[in-house]
Amino acid sequence: QVQLVESGGGLVQPGGSLRLSCAASGSIFSIAVMGWYRQAPGKQRELVAQSTRDGNTNYDDSVKGRFTISRDNAKNTVYLQMNSLKPEDTAVYYCSADVQVVAGIPNQFRYWGQGTQVTVSS
């Protein structure tokens, strides 16, 4: 009933940039929090960045100063601008959305995108 579609991954040289996008659609009343997670092979999934509807953000220490998360609430879309990319940023990146689906029922559900591969290599 709620779908997150990601785009923007790819192969980039160290020091390069990529911009990821994630658009949510379906039965949505509001989205409280949208975020980006990543998982490298053999590693635990980790939070990269997240943003509330009013623009409050936080970042993992490993990406502070290099990545920027932003939202377009009218489009139910979240972005991740990634600059100064490093090989250790290589991972599958997943977006998330904490969705209230029905007006008057405040329950929120966590939905996930299918992931997009980011590879940083020379």
C-alpha atoms as a PDB file:
ATOM      1  CA  GLN A   1       0.000   0.000   0.000  1.00  0.00           C
ATOM      2  CA  VAL A   2       3.034   2.265   0.420  1.00  0.00           C
ATOM      3  CA  GLN A   3       5.897   2.037  -2.014  1.00  0.00           C
ATOM      4  CA  LEU A   4       9.301   3.711  -1.884  1.00  0.00           C
ATOM      5  CA  VAL A   5      11.160   3.966  -5.175  1.00  0.00           C
ATOM      6  CA  GLU A   6      14.859   4.815  -5.088  1.00  0.00           C
ATOM      7  CA  SER A   7      17.127   6.136  -7.796  1.00  0.00           C
ATOM      8  CA  GLY A   8      20.514   7.749  -8.261  1.00  0.00           C
ATOM      9  CA  GLY A   9      23.001   5.065  -7.324  1.00  0.00           C
ATOM     10  CA  GLY A  10      25.960   4.150  -9.445  1.00  0.00           C
ATOM     11  CA  LEU A  11      29.717   3.988  -9.775  1.00  0.00           C
ATOM     12  CA  VAL A  12      31.797   7.031  -8.918  1.00  0.00           C
ATOM     13  CA  GLN A  13      35.458   7.869  -8.368  1.00  0.00           C
ATOM     14  CA  PRO A  14      36.739   8.710  -4.889  1.00  0.00           C
ATOM     15  CA  GLY A  15      36.084  12.373  -4.237  1.00  0.00           C
ATOM     16  CA  GLY A  16      33.093  12.388  -6.551  1.00  0.00           C
ATOM     17  CA  SER A  17      29.428  13.040  -5.878  1.00  0.00           C
ATOM     18  CA  LEU A  18      26.088  11.300  -6.235  1.00  0.00           C
ATOM     19  CA  ARG A  19      22.544  12.337  -5.449  1.00  0.00           C
ATOM     20  CA  LEU A  20      20.050   9.716  -4.310  1.00  0.00           C
ATOM     21  CA  SER A  21      16.296  10.175  -4.495  1.00  0.00           C
ATOM     22  CA  CYS A  22      13.467   8.262  -2.873  1.00  0.00           C
ATOM     23  CA  ALA A  23       9.804   8.904  -3.614  1.00  0.00           C
ATOM     24  CA  ALA A  24       7.008   7.478  -1.491  1.00  0.00           C
ATOM     25  CA  SER A  25       3.573   6.794  -2.933  1.00  0.00           C
ATOM     26  CA  GLY A  26       0.374   5.002  -2.015  1.00  0.00           C
ATOM     27  CA  SER A  27      -1.835   5.316   1.035  1.00  0.00           C
ATOM     28  CA  ILE A  28      -0.127   8.184   2.852  1.00  0.00           C
ATOM     29  CA  PHE A  29      -1.571  10.757   5.175  1.00  0.00           C
ATOM     30  CA  SER A  30       1.753  12.089   6.407  1.00  0.00           C
ATOM     31  CA  ILE A  31       5.372  11.025   6.808  1.00  0.00           C
ATOM     32  CA  ALA A  32       6.988  11.936  10.105  1.00  0.00           C
ATOM     33  CA  VAL A  33      10.543  10.795   9.402  1.00  0.00           C
ATOM     34  CA  MET A  34      12.414   9.859   6.260  1.00  0.00           C
ATOM     35  CA  GLY A  35      15.908   8.490   6.301  1.00  0.00           C
ATOM     36  CA  TRP A  36      18.744   6.735   4.570  1.00  0.00           C
ATOM     37  CA  TYR A  37      20.488   3.586   5.729  1.00  0.00           C
ATOM     38  CA  ARG A  38      23.290   1.619   4.147  1.00  0.00           C
ATOM     39  CA  GLN A  39      24.628  -1.890   4.325  1.00  0.00           C
ATOM     40  CA  ALA A  40      28.013  -2.989   3.057  1.00  0.00           C
ATOM     41  CA  PRO A  41      28.800  -6.661   2.392  1.00  0.00           C
ATOM     42  CA  GLY A  42      29.367  -8.500   5.652  1.00  0.00           C
ATOM     43  CA  LYS A  43      28.433  -5.440   7.703  1.00  0.00           C
ATOM     44  CA  GLN A  44      25.475  -4.398   9.803  1.00  0.00           C
ATOM     45  CA  ARG A  45      22.975  -1.974   8.384  1.00  0.00           C
ATOM     46  CA  GLU A  46      23.636   1.510   9.698  1.00  0.00           C
ATOM     47  CA  LEU A  47      21.804   4.790   9.753  1.00  0.00           C
ATOM     48  CA  VAL A  48      23.327   7.389   7.455  1.00  0.00           C
ATOM     49  CA  ALA A  49      20.970  10.327   7.879  1.00  0.00           C
ATOM     50  CA  GLN A  50      17.383  11.103   8.757  1.00  0.00           C
ATOM     51  CA  SER A  51      15.059  14.056   8.589  1.00  0.00           C
ATOM     52  CA  THR A  52      11.788  15.008  10.224  1.00  0.00           C
ATOM     53  CA  ARG A  53       8.991  16.688   8.333  1.00  0.00           C
ATOM     54  CA  ASP A  54      10.016  20.104   9.650  1.00  0.00           C
ATOM     55  CA  GLY A  55      13.613  19.663   8.534  1.00  0.00           C
ATOM     56  CA  ASN A  56      15.296  18.512  11.729  1.00  0.00           C
ATOM     57  CA  THR A  57      18.197  16.291  10.661  1.00  0.00           C
ATOM     58  CA  ASN A  58      20.887  14.079  12.066  1.00  0.00           C
ATOM     59  CA  TYR A  59      23.832  12.261  10.510  1.00  0.00           C
ATOM     60  CA  ASP A  60      26.172   9.460  11.269  1.00  0.00           C
ATOM     61  CA  ASP A  61      29.586  10.802  12.238  1.00  0.00           C
ATOM     62  CA  SER A  62      31.174   9.125   9.238  1.00  0.00           C
ATOM     63  CA  VAL A  63      29.251  11.318   6.775  1.00  0.00           C
ATOM     64  CA  LYS A  64      28.978  14.627   8.621  1.00  0.00           C
ATOM     65  CA  GLY A  65      30.151  17.492   6.461  1.00  0.00           C
ATOM     66  CA  ARG A  66      29.980  15.393   3.296  1.00  0.00           C
ATOM     67  CA  PHE A  67      26.353  14.260   2.970  1.00  0.00           C
ATOM     68  CA  THR A  68      23.186  16.338   3.081  1.00  0.00           C
ATOM     69  CA  ILE A  69      19.671  14.986   3.517  1.00  0.00           C
ATOM     70  CA  SER A  70      16.697  17.023   2.340  1.00  0.00           C
ATOM     71  CA  ARG A  71      12.977  16.544   1.782  1.00  0.00           C
ATOM     72  CA  ASP A  72      10.277  17.750  -0.541  1.00  0.00           C
ATOM     73  CA  ASN A  73       7.162  17.135   1.518  1.00  0.00           C
ATOM     74  CA  ALA A  74       4.791  18.029  -1.315  1.00  0.00           C
ATOM     75  CA  LYS A  75       6.291  15.176  -3.342  1.00  0.00           C
ATOM     76  CA  ASN A  76       6.859  12.771  -0.420  1.00  0.00           C
ATOM     77  CA  THR A  77      10.443  12.588  -1.568  1.00  0.00           C
ATOM     78  CA  VAL A  78      13.734  12.482   0.294  1.00  0.00           C
ATOM     79  CA  TYR A  79      17.179  13.130  -1.175  1.00  0.00           C
ATOM     80  CA  LEU A  80      20.710  12.376  -0.143  1.00  0.00           C
ATOM     81  CA  GLN A  81      23.425  14.539  -1.656  1.00  0.00           C
ATOM     82  CA  MET A  82      26.735  12.726  -1.253  1.00  0.00           C
ATOM     83  CA  ASN A  83      29.957  14.649  -1.806  1.00  0.00           C
ATOM     84  CA  SER A  84      33.610  13.779  -1.277  1.00  0.00           C
ATOM     85  CA  LEU A  85      32.776  10.114  -1.576  1.00  0.00           C
ATOM     86  CA  LYS A  86      35.172   7.545  -0.163  1.00  0.00           C
ATOM     87  CA  PRO A  87      35.589   3.843  -0.928  1.00  0.00           C
ATOM     88  CA  GLU A  88      34.202   3.050   2.518  1.00  0.00           C
ATOM     89  CA  ASP A  89      30.912   4.652   1.450  1.00  0.00           C
ATOM     90  CA  THR A  90      30.383   1.708  -0.892  1.00  0.00           C
ATOM     91  CA  ALA A  91      27.153  -0.024   0.110  1.00  0.00           C
ATOM     92  CA  VAL A  92      23.549  -0.621  -0.779  1.00  0.00           C
ATOM     93  CA  TYR A  93      21.601   2.436   0.306  1.00  0.00           C
ATOM     94  CA  TYR A  94      18.028   2.061   1.540  1.00  0.00           C
ATOM     95  CA  CYS A  95      15.541   4.814   2.180  1.00  0.00           C
ATOM     96  CA  SER A  96      12.949   4.600   4.917  1.00  0.00           C
ATOM     97  CA  ALA A  97       9.701   6.365   5.708  1.00  0.00           C
ATOM     98  CA  ASP A  98       7.692   6.398   8.920  1.00  0.00           C
ATOM     99  CA  VAL A  99       4.188   6.766   7.547  1.00  0.00           C
ATOM    100  CA  GLN A 100       0.859   7.659   9.082  1.00  0.00           C
ATOM    101  CA  VAL A 101      -1.555   6.135   6.608  1.00  0.00           C
ATOM    102  CA  VAL A 102      -4.958   7.289   7.902  1.00  0.00           C
ATOM    103  CA  ALA A 103      -6.109  10.646   9.168  1.00  0.00           C
ATOM    104  CA  GLY A 104      -7.191  10.390  12.787  1.00  0.00           C
ATOM    105  CA  ILE A 105      -5.258   7.174  13.413  1.00  0.00           C
ATOM    106  CA  PRO A 106      -1.771   8.225  14.534  1.00  0.00           C
ATOM    107  CA  ASN A 107      -0.110   4.814  14.192  1.00  0.00           C
ATOM    108  CA  GLN A 108       3.046   4.944  12.095  1.00  0.00           C
ATOM    109  CA  PHE A 109       4.522   2.180   9.983  1.00  0.00           C
ATOM    110  CA  ARG A 110       8.081   1.850   8.764  1.00  0.00           C
ATOM    111  CA  TYR A 111       8.435   1.278   5.033  1.00  0.00           C
ATOM    112  CA  TRP A 112      11.613   0.590   3.096  1.00  0.00           C
ATOM    113  CA  GLY A 113      12.878   1.106  -0.397  1.00  0.00           C
ATOM    114  CA  GLN A 114      14.440  -1.767  -2.280  1.00  0.00           C
ATOM    115  CA  GLY A 115      17.931  -0.324  -2.179  1.00  0.00           C
ATOM    116  CA  THR A 116      20.295   1.245  -4.654  1.00  0.00           C
ATOM    117  CA  GLN A 117      23.949   0.333  -5.081  1.00  0.00           C
ATOM    118  CA  VAL A 118      26.607   2.988  -4.538  1.00  0.00           C
ATOM    119  CA  THR A 119      30.134   1.989  -5.489  1.00  0.00           C
ATOM    120  CA  VAL A 120      33.108   4.292  -4.908  1.00  0.00           C
ATOM    121  CA  SER A 121      36.189   2.994  -6.647  1.00  0.00           C
ATOM    122  CA  SER A 122      39.153   4.140  -8.685  1.00  0.00           C
END
